[in-house]
Amino acid sequence: MQAPQHTNGDTMTSTPDGLELRAGPLRLALRPDVGGSIAGLWHHDLPVLRSIEPGALSNARAAGAYALVPYSNRIGYSRFPWAGRTWSTRPNFDDSRHSVHGVGYQRAWEVVASDTSSATLRLHHRPDEDWPFEFEAVHQIELGESGLSLGLTLTNRGDAEAPFGLGWHPHFPKRTRSRIHAELSGRWDLDEALLPVRHVVQQHGIDGDVAHLRYDNVFTGWQQSARIRDERFSMLLTSSLPYLVVYTPELYDFYCVEPVSHVSNALNLDDPSGHGVVSLAPGASTSAWMKLQIEEAR
């Protein structure tokens, strides 16, 4: 996906509450100042993602989607070993003792390019209590008439080698007959602290009605595509990333299908790199993409 070119205010759609992108029947509301989040995505005014009008969004956790940088899911008990010492991060998710979903969704992102159907956002993070290593993330968002394309590049801007990961956290609205189909072969089961402790075979992948699925797991052997259906839409989510997190909470009106680069809490597992953590030298980068193709249900 090519980066959008810098444009002036006459050609980009800007509102006091962020940016609005349009392509064919699709409309996307972007809040760079609220975690660089996608507040909502609509097809002829019907939500494709869990959607909120951008002026009502004050926390990226209520958004339709956001980027996961510089790690996905949980860092157990907000600490991890690296380069011969133990590093601490700050618990950041309600009353959880863990650090969750990185820092990108907690920060304002800079708009570096935008036009009517695309935008490029940038985040420059300096070491702090939420993440101890410097990095730059660039998020490319491109809306087409039949779907959404996202690209994410993370670069180590520090002066030492450091660990990183990335991904996306889209939320989908639960509807009648919401279903997920994904070809994959393994699952990490969780302990009482919601940390992965045991890898097991996941026979037959995932294929079922969301109302009957009970997952908060990261899956392995994912074939990098997932079919998401309900009575309104048939969607195909594809990604370059090797792992898939699926979250189907019983008591909420949404579910999540999240392509990610590493196993949850991988920094605290034996062989973090074997579980997807990328060790970047100063100036080195890692990149990924995700696409969501959208069709009306037939």
Foldseek 3Di string as FASTA:
>chain_A
DDFADADDPVFFAADPLGGWADAAQKIWGFHLAQLRATQFIDGVNHTFFQHDPSVPDDHRVNGQKHKQPFFAAWQPLQWFDDPHDIAGACCDDPPASTNHRACSSVGRWDWPHGGRFKTKTKDWDDADRHHGFTKMKIWIWGDYNFWIKIKMKIAGQGQFKDKGKMKMKGKGFQDAQKWKAWDAFKKFDADPSRAGDDIDTDPRGGTDGLLPDAFQIKTARTPFWMWIDDQWKTKIKGKPAGIWGWHRDNPDRIIIIMRIQFGHNLSHDPPSVVRGIDIHHHGDMDMMMMMMGIDTDD
